[in-house]
Amino acid sequence: MKVLVTGVKGQLGYDVVNELKKRNIEAVGVDIDEMDITDASSVDKVIKEASPDAVIHCAAYTAVDAAEDNVDICRKVNKDGTQNIANVCKELDIKMIYISTDYVFDGEGTRPWEPDDKPDPLNVYGLTKYEGEVAVTSTLSKYFIVRIAWVFGVNGKNFIKTMLNLAKTHDSLTVVNDQFGSPTYTYDLARLLVDMVLTDKYGIYHATNEGIITWYDFACQIFKTAGLNVKVSPVPASEYPAKAKRPSNSRMSKQKLVDNGFELLPTWQDALERYIKILKENGF
């Protein structure tokens, strides 16, 4: 089997390529230098030359606040770029995995979101990622859409690295305590995505590490795991006005993974311990 992975320089694409190689599956990793997903002819040429059996599409415009001021470029990447890839996958009759987000929902209520709940995005990023979903579902039958949240990985910026960097100059911090969700470690997610691409159990899934917390809970555990003495105080999101509105409820049901025989990701605490160990080994 051969799999083409977009966004190889990002947190997830990097781990997906490594996971494929670990299993002796041929991986072709591309980023904007090799394939500009917003250029239909580039997408057509690169994918056809690679001739893969599947595409795992990890590339995206993910600057959530900046997206509010850059609607066109965000849409060009997240919607049009995804459509370009879906078109070639259809022509070649190959599988596609599209990575989406909890931000496709309005974040209301307290129950976990189900994969077939109706999307109602709060911000431009969420809207364009949902438009990407529509591009996939309206073009293909051989697709997986995997919604994730609160992502962290070795190769890129994330909340954990931000907290650890702040700890170098602060002995106390305030962190939001009224937004609920689950972190997603790209190393663990990569394993699931490769498991998926080897099957034909198509559809929309939710995938995060197990356990529901707030950003405050997450920050407290980050410092505890890293052995750092930082005082963390909980505050409402209203004290941190951001350009893009964030969902307060990002709880997501993973029952569909279980129903289809996929292994759930480990707990977020387990993932965090493994991740911080790697950061320390890498001298972070």
Protein backbone atom coordinates (compact mmCIF):
# COMPACT_ATOMS: atom_id res chain seq x y z
CA MET A 1 0.00 0.00 0.00
CA LYS A 2 1.10 3.58 -0.65
CA VAL A 3 -0.34 6.60 1.20
CA LEU A 4 0.14 10.28 0.36
CA VAL A 5 0.06 12.57 3.41
CA THR A 6 -0.48 16.35 3.16
CA GLY A 7 0.87 18.78 5.74
CA VAL A 8 3.93 16.66 6.54
CA LYS A 9 5.65 19.61 8.25
CA GLY A 10 2.76 20.02 10.71
CA GLN A 11 2.18 18.23 14.02
CA LEU A 12 -0.11 15.53 12.66
CA GLY A 13 1.27 14.99 9.15
CA TYR A 14 4.73 14.42 10.64
CA ASP A 15 3.47 11.70 12.99
CA VAL A 16 1.28 10.04 10.34
CA VAL A 17 4.24 9.62 7.97
CA ASN A 18 6.33 8.16 10.80
CA GLU A 19 3.53 5.73 11.75
CA LEU A 20 3.15 4.57 8.14
CA LYS A 21 6.90 3.96 7.84
CA LYS A 22 6.92 2.10 11.14
CA ARG A 23 4.43 -0.36 9.63
CA ASN A 24 6.39 -0.68 6.38
CA ILE A 25 3.68 1.16 4.44
CA GLU A 26 5.05 3.38 1.69
CA ALA A 27 4.50 7.03 2.66
CA VAL A 28 4.72 10.10 0.44
CA GLY A 29 4.76 13.21 2.60
CA VAL A 30 4.09 16.57 0.96
CA ASP A 31 3.77 20.14 2.16
CA ILE A 32 3.24 23.44 0.36
CA ASP A 33 6.68 23.29 -1.33
CA GLU A 34 5.83 19.97 -3.00
CA MET A 35 2.08 20.47 -3.51
CA ASP A 36 0.11 23.69 -3.09
CA ILE A 37 -3.32 22.29 -2.27
CA THR A 38 -5.00 25.52 -3.42
CA ASP A 39 -3.63 24.93 -6.95
CA ALA A 40 -5.83 22.30 -8.61
CA SER A 41 -3.27 21.52 -11.32
CA SER A 42 -0.51 21.03 -8.73
CA VAL A 43 -2.73 18.68 -6.73
CA ASP A 44 -3.69 16.74 -9.84
CA LYS A 45 -0.07 16.36 -10.99
CA VAL A 46 1.49 15.43 -7.63
CA ILE A 47 -1.15 12.90 -6.57
CA LYS A 48 -1.27 11.23 -9.98
CA GLU A 49 2.52 11.00 -10.15
CA ALA A 50 2.63 9.46 -6.66
CA SER A 51 -0.23 7.09 -7.58
CA PRO A 52 -1.20 6.31 -3.96
CA ASP A 53 -3.90 3.97 -2.69
CA ALA A 54 -5.10 6.65 -0.24
CA VAL A 55 -4.61 10.27 0.80
CA ILE A 56 -4.53 11.36 4.45
CA HIS A 57 -5.21 15.09 4.29
CA CYS A 58 -3.68 16.79 7.34
CA ALA A 59 -2.82 20.19 5.81
CA ALA A 60 -5.05 23.08 6.89
CA TYR A 61 -5.22 26.76 7.72
CA THR A 62 -5.44 26.56 11.53
CA ALA A 63 -4.73 30.11 12.77
CA VAL A 64 -8.16 30.46 14.39
CA ASP A 65 -8.06 34.16 15.30
CA ALA A 66 -6.21 35.25 12.15
CA ALA A 67 -8.86 33.44 10.08
CA GLU A 68 -11.43 36.06 11.12
CA ASP A 69 -9.44 38.66 9.14
CA ASN A 70 -8.28 36.31 6.38
CA VAL A 71 -11.51 34.62 5.31
CA ASP A 72 -10.54 34.20 1.66
CA ILE A 73 -7.21 32.48 2.23
CA CYS A 74 -8.65 30.33 5.03
CA ARG A 75 -11.48 29.20 2.73
CA LYS A 76 -9.07 28.68 -0.16
CA VAL A 77 -7.01 26.26 1.94
CA ASN A 78 -9.66 24.50 4.03
CA LYS A 79 -12.51 24.28 1.51
CA ASP A 80 -11.05 24.66 -1.99
CA GLY A 81 -7.83 22.79 -1.21
CA THR A 82 -9.84 19.90 0.21
CA GLN A 83 -12.11 19.93 -2.85
CA ASN A 84 -9.06 19.76 -5.14
CA ILE A 85 -7.80 16.67 -3.31
CA ALA A 86 -11.25 15.04 -3.22
CA ASN A 87 -11.62 15.54 -6.99
CA VAL A 88 -8.41 13.63 -7.72
CA CYS A 89 -9.26 10.90 -5.19
CA LYS A 90 -12.58 10.43 -6.99
CA GLU A 91 -10.93 10.26 -10.39
CA LEU A 92 -8.39 7.68 -9.17
CA ASP A 93 -11.04 5.86 -7.08
CA ILE A 94 -8.88 5.96 -3.93
CA LYS A 95 -9.62 6.49 -0.23
CA MET A 96 -9.37 9.87 1.48
CA ILE A 97 -9.08 10.76 5.17
CA TYR A 98 -9.95 14.38 5.96
CA ILE A 99 -9.04 15.82 9.36
CA SER A 100 -11.72 18.12 10.76
CA THR A 101 -12.42 19.77 14.11
CA ASP A 102 -14.71 20.16 17.09
CA TYR A 103 -15.09 23.76 15.89
CA VAL A 104 -17.71 22.67 13.34
CA PHE A 105 -20.19 22.68 16.28
CA ASP A 106 -21.62 25.66 18.16
CA GLY A 107 -20.25 24.45 21.50
CA GLU A 108 -23.58 24.74 23.32
CA GLY A 109 -24.93 22.31 25.95
CA THR A 110 -23.05 19.68 27.92
CA ARG A 111 -23.63 16.36 26.15
CA PRO A 112 -20.88 14.95 23.91
CA TRP A 113 -21.28 15.73 20.21
CA GLU A 114 -22.15 12.76 18.01
CA PRO A 115 -20.62 12.44 14.51
CA ASP A 116 -24.04 12.91 12.87
CA ASP A 117 -25.02 16.00 14.90
CA LYS A 118 -25.72 19.05 12.76
CA PRO A 119 -22.71 21.36 12.44
CA ASP A 120 -23.19 25.04 13.27
CA PRO A 121 -19.74 26.69 13.41
CA LEU A 122 -19.02 29.71 15.63
CA ASN A 123 -16.09 31.11 13.67
CA VAL A 124 -14.48 31.32 10.23
CA TYR A 125 -12.03 28.49 10.89
CA GLY A 126 -14.85 26.14 11.95
CA LEU A 127 -16.99 27.19 9.00
CA THR A 128 -14.28 26.57 6.42
CA LYS A 129 -13.38 23.21 7.96
CA TYR A 130 -17.06 22.24 7.72
CA GLU A 131 -17.09 23.40 4.09
CA GLY A 132 -14.15 21.04 3.60
CA GLU A 133 -16.25 18.24 5.08
CA VAL A 134 -19.04 19.01 2.60
CA ALA A 135 -16.52 18.97 -0.26
CA VAL A 136 -15.52 15.44 0.79
CA THR A 137 -19.00 14.03 1.45
CA SER A 138 -20.46 15.46 -1.75
CA THR A 139 -17.61 14.19 -3.94
CA LEU A 140 -16.57 10.81 -2.52
CA SER A 141 -17.99 7.58 -1.17
CA LYS A 142 -14.63 6.18 0.03
CA TYR A 143 -13.92 8.72 2.76
CA PHE A 144 -13.21 9.05 6.47
CA ILE A 145 -13.78 12.39 8.20
CA VAL A 146 -12.07 12.48 11.59
CA ARG A 147 -12.87 15.38 13.93
CA ILE A 148 -10.27 16.14 16.57
CA ALA A 149 -9.72 18.80 19.27
CA TRP A 150 -7.04 20.45 21.41
CA VAL A 151 -4.19 19.03 19.33
CA PHE A 152 -0.60 18.62 20.51
CA GLY A 153 2.42 16.97 18.92
CA VAL A 154 6.20 17.19 18.84
CA ASN A 155 6.40 19.03 15.52
CA GLY A 156 4.72 22.40 16.02
CA LYS A 157 3.16 24.91 18.41
CA ASN A 158 0.52 23.90 20.94
CA PHE A 159 -0.97 24.67 24.37
CA ILE A 160 1.50 22.45 26.26
CA LYS A 161 4.55 24.13 24.75
CA THR A 162 2.97 27.55 25.40
CA MET A 163 2.44 26.69 29.09
CA LEU A 164 5.96 25.33 29.51
CA ASN A 165 7.42 28.44 27.88
CA LEU A 166 5.32 30.73 30.11
CA ALA A 167 6.58 28.80 33.14
CA LYS A 168 10.10 30.03 32.34
CA THR A 169 9.07 33.64 33.06
CA HIS A 170 5.97 33.32 35.29
CA ASP A 171 5.34 31.67 38.65
CA SER A 172 1.57 32.21 38.40
CA LEU A 173 -0.89 32.08 35.49
CA THR A 174 -4.61 32.37 34.83
CA VAL A 175 -6.24 29.79 32.56
CA VAL A 176 -9.79 29.42 31.24
CA ASN A 177 -11.96 27.05 33.26
CA ASP A 178 -15.32 27.10 31.44
CA GLN A 179 -14.43 25.41 28.13
CA PHE A 180 -14.65 21.62 28.22
CA GLY A 181 -13.04 19.11 25.87
CA SER A 182 -10.37 16.46 25.37
CA PRO A 183 -6.80 16.83 24.14
CA THR A 184 -5.55 14.90 21.10
CA TYR A 185 -1.95 13.67 20.94
CA THR A 186 -0.96 13.43 17.29
CA TYR A 187 1.24 10.38 17.95
CA ASP A 188 -1.80 8.44 19.21
CA LEU A 189 -4.09 9.83 16.52
CA ALA A 190 -1.63 8.83 13.79
CA ARG A 191 -1.91 5.21 14.90
CA LEU A 192 -5.70 5.35 14.62
CA LEU A 193 -5.60 7.02 11.19
CA VAL A 194 -3.33 4.30 9.81
CA ASP A 195 -5.59 1.64 11.35
CA MET A 196 -8.52 3.33 9.59
CA VAL A 197 -6.95 3.69 6.17
CA LEU A 198 -6.35 -0.06 6.09
CA THR A 199 -10.13 -0.65 6.32
CA ASP A 200 -13.23 0.30 4.36
CA LYS A 201 -15.21 1.36 7.45
CA TYR A 202 -15.97 4.74 5.92
CA GLY A 203 -17.81 7.62 7.58
CA ILE A 204 -17.49 10.49 10.06
CA TYR A 205 -15.71 9.82 13.35
CA HIS A 206 -14.62 11.70 16.44
CA ALA A 207 -11.17 10.95 17.86
CA THR A 208 -9.47 12.47 20.90
CA ASN A 209 -7.62 11.06 23.87
CA GLU A 210 -9.93 9.79 26.62
CA GLY A 211 -11.11 12.03 29.46
CA ILE A 212 -12.89 15.40 29.61
CA ILE A 213 -11.27 18.45 31.18
CA THR A 214 -11.02 22.25 31.02
CA TRP A 215 -7.98 24.18 29.85
CA TYR A 216 -7.35 24.99 33.55
CA ASP A 217 -7.31 21.27 34.42
CA PHE A 218 -4.95 20.68 31.51
CA ALA A 219 -2.55 23.44 32.59
CA CYS A 220 -2.44 22.17 36.19
CA GLN A 221 -1.58 18.66 35.03
CA ILE A 222 1.03 19.93 32.56
CA PHE A 223 2.98 21.66 35.33
CA LYS A 224 2.55 18.71 37.70
CA THR A 225 3.79 16.23 35.07
CA ALA A 226 6.71 18.49 34.16
CA GLY A 227 7.61 18.93 37.84
CA LEU A 228 7.16 22.71 37.73
CA ASN A 229 5.87 24.85 40.59
CA VAL A 230 3.48 27.26 38.88
CA LYS A 231 0.32 28.59 40.54
CA VAL A 232 -2.64 28.33 38.15
CA SER A 233 -5.83 30.29 38.79
CA PRO A 234 -9.11 29.50 37.00
CA VAL A 235 -10.88 32.30 35.09
CA PRO A 236 -13.92 32.47 32.77
CA ALA A 237 -13.35 32.73 29.01
CA SER A 238 -14.96 36.18 29.14
CA GLU A 239 -11.71 37.43 30.72
CA TYR A 240 -9.82 36.38 27.60
CA PRO A 241 -11.68 38.03 24.73
CA ALA A 242 -10.41 36.56 21.46
CA LYS A 243 -11.20 37.61 17.91
CA ALA A 244 -12.72 34.18 17.14
CA LYS A 245 -15.40 32.79 19.42
CA ARG A 246 -14.50 29.41 20.98
CA PRO A 247 -16.94 26.61 21.81
CA SER A 248 -17.57 26.05 25.52
CA ASN A 249 -18.55 22.41 24.93
CA SER A 250 -16.08 20.39 22.85
CA ARG A 251 -16.98 17.04 24.39
CA MET A 252 -17.11 14.47 21.58
CA SER A 253 -18.53 10.95 21.57
CA LYS A 254 -16.11 8.26 20.37
CA GLN A 255 -18.64 5.41 20.50
CA LYS A 256 -18.54 5.06 16.71
CA LEU A 257 -14.86 4.09 16.92
CA VAL A 258 -15.76 1.30 19.34
CA ASP A 259 -18.72 0.19 17.23
CA ASN A 260 -16.45 -0.20 14.20
CA GLY A 261 -13.73 -2.11 16.03
CA PHE A 262 -11.16 0.69 16.29
CA GLU A 263 -9.00 1.04 19.38
CA LEU A 264 -9.69 4.18 21.45
CA LEU A 265 -6.83 6.56 22.11
CA PRO A 266 -5.24 6.33 25.60
CA THR A 267 -6.19 8.76 28.36
CA TRP A 268 -5.00 12.33 27.99
CA GLN A 269 -2.95 11.97 31.20
CA ASP A 270 -1.09 9.01 29.73
CA ALA A 271 -0.51 10.91 26.49
CA LEU A 272 0.72 13.98 28.37
CA GLU A 273 3.27 11.97 30.36
CA ARG A 274 4.71 10.37 27.22
CA TYR A 275 4.74 13.71 25.42
CA ILE A 276 6.53 15.67 28.15
CA LYS A 277 9.10 12.88 28.45
CA ILE A 278 9.86 13.28 24.73
CA LEU A 279 10.05 17.09 25.04
CA LYS A 280 12.57 16.72 27.87
CA GLU A 281 14.61 14.21 25.86
CA ASN A 282 14.65 16.73 23.00
CA GLY A 283 15.87 19.46 25.36
CA PHE A 284 12.70 21.54 25.37
